[in-house]
Amino acid sequence: MQLPVEMVFRRGAIFFDPLYSELDDPALQGQTKGKFFVVLNNSPKDDPIVYLLATSEKPKHAKLPYMFALKPGKYECFSKNTLVDVAQAGGDELDGPMFIALYQSQRLTWKGQLDDADIEALVQAIEACPVVDARFKKTLKATPA
């Protein structure tokens, strides 16, 4: 049984969706894949819920300029070098009530929480990223963790 969403949800919470369908690889069109994501909101009652996908580091990611690295083993759910593409901040979101429904149905599972230092560094990376929308940065700053 999962903990109530109000107990686990805050900025930096890590969730897993085994059926994530917003895949950008043309070879995976119409398919689903398990994905970890980090939420940027402070409350599950926010609408929309804004998140960043986490991915295992691969050689193709070396070309991407705005990646935030999470060290392997620091978080139980990430056994490999894991990256978060901060350039996507503000681009991926989920309807708040839908998020709660998916969590309560146990499709989404809580996997952990970034520590305060990583949350602060992630937010700073988003704020420093030149391709993230300025309005999103202002919203992010207005709702501190």
C-alpha atoms as a PDB file:
ATOM      1  CA  MET A   1       0.000   0.000   0.000  1.00  0.00           C
ATOM      2  CA  GLN A   2       1.317   3.410  -0.954  1.00  0.00           C
ATOM      3  CA  LEU A   3       1.556   6.313   1.435  1.00  0.00           C
ATOM      4  CA  PRO A   4      -1.019   9.071   0.893  1.00  0.00           C
ATOM      5  CA  VAL A   5       0.070  11.403  -1.911  1.00  0.00           C
ATOM      6  CA  GLU A   6       0.107  14.366   0.503  1.00  0.00           C
ATOM      7  CA  MET A   7       2.850  12.633   2.526  1.00  0.00           C
ATOM      8  CA  VAL A   8       5.234  12.044  -0.387  1.00  0.00           C
ATOM      9  CA  PHE A   9       4.558  14.857  -2.824  1.00  0.00           C
ATOM     10  CA  ARG A  10       6.800  17.912  -2.783  1.00  0.00           C
ATOM     11  CA  ARG A  11       9.338  19.501  -5.109  1.00  0.00           C
ATOM     12  CA  GLY A  12      11.994  16.907  -5.917  1.00  0.00           C
ATOM     13  CA  ALA A  13       9.782  13.864  -5.354  1.00  0.00           C
ATOM     14  CA  ILE A  14      10.671  10.998  -7.695  1.00  0.00           C
ATOM     15  CA  PHE A  15       7.861   8.974  -9.243  1.00  0.00           C
ATOM     16  CA  PHE A  16       7.813   6.042 -11.649  1.00  0.00           C
ATOM     17  CA  ASP A  17       5.274   5.487 -14.428  1.00  0.00           C
ATOM     18  CA  PRO A  18       5.541   1.988 -15.960  1.00  0.00           C
ATOM     19  CA  LEU A  19       3.348   3.015 -18.909  1.00  0.00           C
ATOM     20  CA  TYR A  20       4.759   6.399 -19.894  1.00  0.00           C
ATOM     21  CA  SER A  21       3.548   7.173 -23.416  1.00  0.00           C
ATOM     22  CA  GLU A  22       5.041  10.599 -24.253  1.00  0.00           C
ATOM     23  CA  LEU A  23       8.099   9.026 -25.884  1.00  0.00           C
ATOM     24  CA  ASP A  24      10.028  11.150 -28.369  1.00  0.00           C
ATOM     25  CA  ASP A  25      11.846   8.302 -30.130  1.00  0.00           C
ATOM     26  CA  PRO A  26      10.100   7.723 -33.505  1.00  0.00           C
ATOM     27  CA  ALA A  27      10.935   4.016 -33.227  1.00  0.00           C
ATOM     28  CA  LEU A  28       8.747   3.857 -30.086  1.00  0.00           C
ATOM     29  CA  GLN A  29       5.738   5.690 -31.521  1.00  0.00           C
ATOM     30  CA  GLY A  30       2.496   4.363 -30.035  1.00  0.00           C
ATOM     31  CA  GLN A  31       4.327   2.401 -27.329  1.00  0.00           C
ATOM     32  CA  THR A  32       4.836   2.896 -23.620  1.00  0.00           C
ATOM     33  CA  LYS A  33       7.963   2.605 -21.527  1.00  0.00           C
ATOM     34  CA  GLY A  34       8.685   2.825 -17.835  1.00  0.00           C
ATOM     35  CA  LYS A  35      10.044   6.278 -16.921  1.00  0.00           C
ATOM     36  CA  PHE A  36      11.164   7.995 -13.745  1.00  0.00           C
ATOM     37  CA  PHE A  37      10.345  11.659 -13.308  1.00  0.00           C
ATOM     38  CA  VAL A  38      11.001  14.420 -10.794  1.00  0.00           C
ATOM     39  CA  VAL A  39       8.188  16.828  -9.930  1.00  0.00           C
ATOM     40  CA  LEU A  40       8.803  20.561  -9.665  1.00  0.00           C
ATOM     41  CA  ASN A  41       5.583  21.464  -7.841  1.00  0.00           C
ATOM     42  CA  ASN A  42       5.185  21.647  -4.072  1.00  0.00           C
ATOM     43  CA  SER A  43       1.660  20.278  -3.797  1.00  0.00           C
ATOM     44  CA  PRO A  44      -0.294  17.487  -5.480  1.00  0.00           C
ATOM     45  CA  LYS A  45      -3.199  19.939  -5.623  1.00  0.00           C
ATOM     46  CA  ASP A  46      -1.305  22.169  -8.063  1.00  0.00           C
ATOM     47  CA  ASP A  47      -2.614  22.095 -11.580  1.00  0.00           C
ATOM     48  CA  PRO A  48      -0.827  21.282 -13.748  1.00  0.00           C
ATOM     49  CA  ILE A  49       1.861  19.065 -12.216  1.00  0.00           C
ATOM     50  CA  VAL A  50       5.158  19.975 -13.900  1.00  0.00           C
ATOM     51  CA  TYR A  51       7.880  17.359 -14.084  1.00  0.00           C
ATOM     52  CA  LEU A  52      11.225  16.492 -15.642  1.00  0.00           C
ATOM     53  CA  LEU A  53      12.033  13.051 -16.982  1.00  0.00           C
ATOM     54  CA  ALA A  54      15.063  11.209 -15.687  1.00  0.00           C
ATOM     55  CA  THR A  55      17.051   8.952 -17.993  1.00  0.00           C
ATOM     56  CA  SER A  56      20.058   6.684 -17.712  1.00  0.00           C
ATOM     57  CA  GLU A  57      23.167   8.333 -19.103  1.00  0.00           C
ATOM     58  CA  LYS A  58      24.047   7.148 -22.608  1.00  0.00           C
ATOM     59  CA  PRO A  59      26.678   8.354 -25.111  1.00  0.00           C
ATOM     60  CA  LYS A  60      24.004  10.191 -27.135  1.00  0.00           C
ATOM     61  CA  HIS A  61      23.368  12.436 -24.120  1.00  0.00           C
ATOM     62  CA  ALA A  62      26.926  13.809 -24.206  1.00  0.00           C
ATOM     63  CA  LYS A  63      25.797  16.208 -26.978  1.00  0.00           C
ATOM     64  CA  LEU A  64      22.934  17.650 -24.950  1.00  0.00           C
ATOM     65  CA  PRO A  65      24.064  20.862 -23.268  1.00  0.00           C
ATOM     66  CA  TYR A  66      21.633  21.234 -20.364  1.00  0.00           C
ATOM     67  CA  MET A  67      21.737  17.971 -18.451  1.00  0.00           C
ATOM     68  CA  PHE A  68      21.665  17.751 -14.644  1.00  0.00           C
ATOM     69  CA  ALA A  69      23.458  14.655 -13.339  1.00  0.00           C
ATOM     70  CA  LEU A  70      22.400  12.521 -10.384  1.00  0.00           C
ATOM     71  CA  LYS A  71      25.116  10.280  -8.984  1.00  0.00           C
ATOM     72  CA  PRO A  72      24.507   6.524  -9.108  1.00  0.00           C
ATOM     73  CA  GLY A  73      23.685   4.983  -5.762  1.00  0.00           C
ATOM     74  CA  LYS A  74      22.793   8.283  -4.083  1.00  0.00           C
ATOM     75  CA  TYR A  75      19.115   7.484  -4.633  1.00  0.00           C
ATOM     76  CA  GLU A  76      17.934   3.898  -4.365  1.00  0.00           C
ATOM     77  CA  CYS A  77      15.899   4.091  -7.579  1.00  0.00           C
ATOM     78  CA  PHE A  78      18.871   5.236  -9.696  1.00  0.00           C
ATOM     79  CA  SER A  79      21.543   2.559  -9.880  1.00  0.00           C
ATOM     80  CA  LYS A  80      23.222   4.101 -12.956  1.00  0.00           C
ATOM     81  CA  ASN A  81      24.376   7.595 -13.846  1.00  0.00           C
ATOM     82  CA  THR A  82      21.090   9.417 -14.293  1.00  0.00           C
ATOM     83  CA  LEU A  83      20.427  12.649 -16.130  1.00  0.00           C
ATOM     84  CA  VAL A  84      17.613  15.170 -16.065  1.00  0.00           C
ATOM     85  CA  ASP A  85      17.254  17.445 -19.102  1.00  0.00           C
ATOM     86  CA  VAL A  86      16.660  20.883 -17.568  1.00  0.00           C
ATOM     87  CA  ALA A  87      15.988  22.357 -21.021  1.00  0.00           C
ATOM     88  CA  GLN A  88      12.617  20.576 -20.878  1.00  0.00           C
ATOM     89  CA  ALA A  89      11.534  22.452 -17.720  1.00  0.00           C
ATOM     90  CA  GLY A  90       8.015  23.720 -18.147  1.00  0.00           C
ATOM     91  CA  GLY A  91       7.374  21.500 -21.158  1.00  0.00           C
ATOM     92  CA  ASP A  92       6.118  18.308 -19.522  1.00  0.00           C
ATOM     93  CA  GLU A  93       3.032  18.482 -17.369  1.00  0.00           C
ATOM     94  CA  LEU A  94       0.135  16.398 -16.162  1.00  0.00           C
ATOM     95  CA  ASP A  95      -3.311  17.498 -15.063  1.00  0.00           C
ATOM     96  CA  GLY A  96      -3.316  17.685 -11.227  1.00  0.00           C
ATOM     97  CA  PRO A  97      -6.461  15.587 -10.621  1.00  0.00           C
ATOM     98  CA  MET A  98      -5.207  13.058 -13.202  1.00  0.00           C
ATOM     99  CA  PHE A  99      -1.888  12.792 -11.353  1.00  0.00           C
ATOM    100  CA  ILE A 100      -3.703  12.091  -8.075  1.00  0.00           C
ATOM    101  CA  ALA A 101      -5.941   9.491  -9.751  1.00  0.00           C
ATOM    102  CA  LEU A 102      -2.942   7.723 -11.317  1.00  0.00           C
ATOM    103  CA  TYR A 103      -1.147   7.697  -7.966  1.00  0.00           C
ATOM    104  CA  GLN A 104      -4.192   6.437  -6.065  1.00  0.00           C
ATOM    105  CA  SER A 105      -4.695   3.668  -8.648  1.00  0.00           C
ATOM    106  CA  GLN A 106      -1.035   2.716  -8.009  1.00  0.00           C
ATOM    107  CA  ARG A 107      -0.012   3.210 -11.607  1.00  0.00           C
ATOM    108  CA  LEU A 108       2.353   5.959 -10.453  1.00  0.00           C
ATOM    109  CA  THR A 109       4.608   4.963  -7.588  1.00  0.00           C
ATOM    110  CA  TRP A 110       6.695   7.161  -5.346  1.00  0.00           C
ATOM    111  CA  LYS A 111      10.350   6.138  -5.472  1.00  0.00           C
ATOM    112  CA  GLY A 112      12.052   8.715  -3.294  1.00  0.00           C
ATOM    113  CA  GLN A 113      12.975  12.324  -2.827  1.00  0.00           C
ATOM    114  CA  LEU A 114      15.910  14.406  -4.051  1.00  0.00           C
ATOM    115  CA  ASP A 115      17.832  15.859  -1.144  1.00  0.00           C
ATOM    116  CA  ASP A 116      17.712  19.606  -0.531  1.00  0.00           C
ATOM    117  CA  ALA A 117      21.121  20.224  -2.129  1.00  0.00           C
ATOM    118  CA  ASP A 118      20.109  18.459  -5.350  1.00  0.00           C
ATOM    119  CA  ILE A 119      16.757  20.269  -5.447  1.00  0.00           C
ATOM    120  CA  GLU A 120      18.510  23.617  -5.071  1.00  0.00           C
ATOM    121  CA  ALA A 121      21.105  22.719  -7.723  1.00  0.00           C
ATOM    122  CA  LEU A 122      18.377  21.489 -10.106  1.00  0.00           C
ATOM    123  CA  VAL A 123      16.374  24.715  -9.689  1.00  0.00           C
ATOM    124  CA  GLN A 124      19.554  26.769 -10.239  1.00  0.00           C
ATOM    125  CA  ALA A 125      20.293  24.772 -13.400  1.00  0.00           C
ATOM    126  CA  ILE A 126      16.768  25.465 -14.670  1.00  0.00           C
ATOM    127  CA  GLU A 127      17.085  29.173 -13.877  1.00  0.00           C
ATOM    128  CA  ALA A 128      20.448  29.331 -15.674  1.00  0.00           C
ATOM    129  CA  CYS A 129      19.250  27.442 -18.747  1.00  0.00           C
ATOM    130  CA  PRO A 130      18.853  29.937 -21.624  1.00  0.00           C
ATOM    131  CA  VAL A 131      16.217  27.878 -23.450  1.00  0.00           C
ATOM    132  CA  VAL A 132      13.739  27.610 -20.551  1.00  0.00           C
ATOM    133  CA  ASP A 133      10.853  30.059 -20.790  1.00  0.00           C
ATOM    134  CA  ALA A 134      11.347  33.127 -18.573  1.00  0.00           C
ATOM    135  CA  ARG A 135       7.736  32.964 -17.328  1.00  0.00           C
ATOM    136  CA  PHE A 136       8.280  29.385 -16.177  1.00  0.00           C
ATOM    137  CA  LYS A 137      11.462  30.403 -14.352  1.00  0.00           C
ATOM    138  CA  LYS A 138       9.544  33.186 -12.585  1.00  0.00           C
ATOM    139  CA  THR A 139       6.812  30.737 -11.539  1.00  0.00           C
ATOM    140  CA  LEU A 140       9.394  28.246 -10.330  1.00  0.00           C
ATOM    141  CA  LYS A 141      11.139  30.898  -8.252  1.00  0.00           C
ATOM    142  CA  ALA A 142       7.804  32.147  -6.824  1.00  0.00           C
ATOM    143  CA  THR A 143       7.016  28.727  -5.347  1.00  0.00           C
ATOM    144  CA  PRO A 144      10.136  27.735  -3.380  1.00  0.00           C
ATOM    145  CA  ALA A 145      10.486  24.211  -2.031  1.00  0.00           C
END
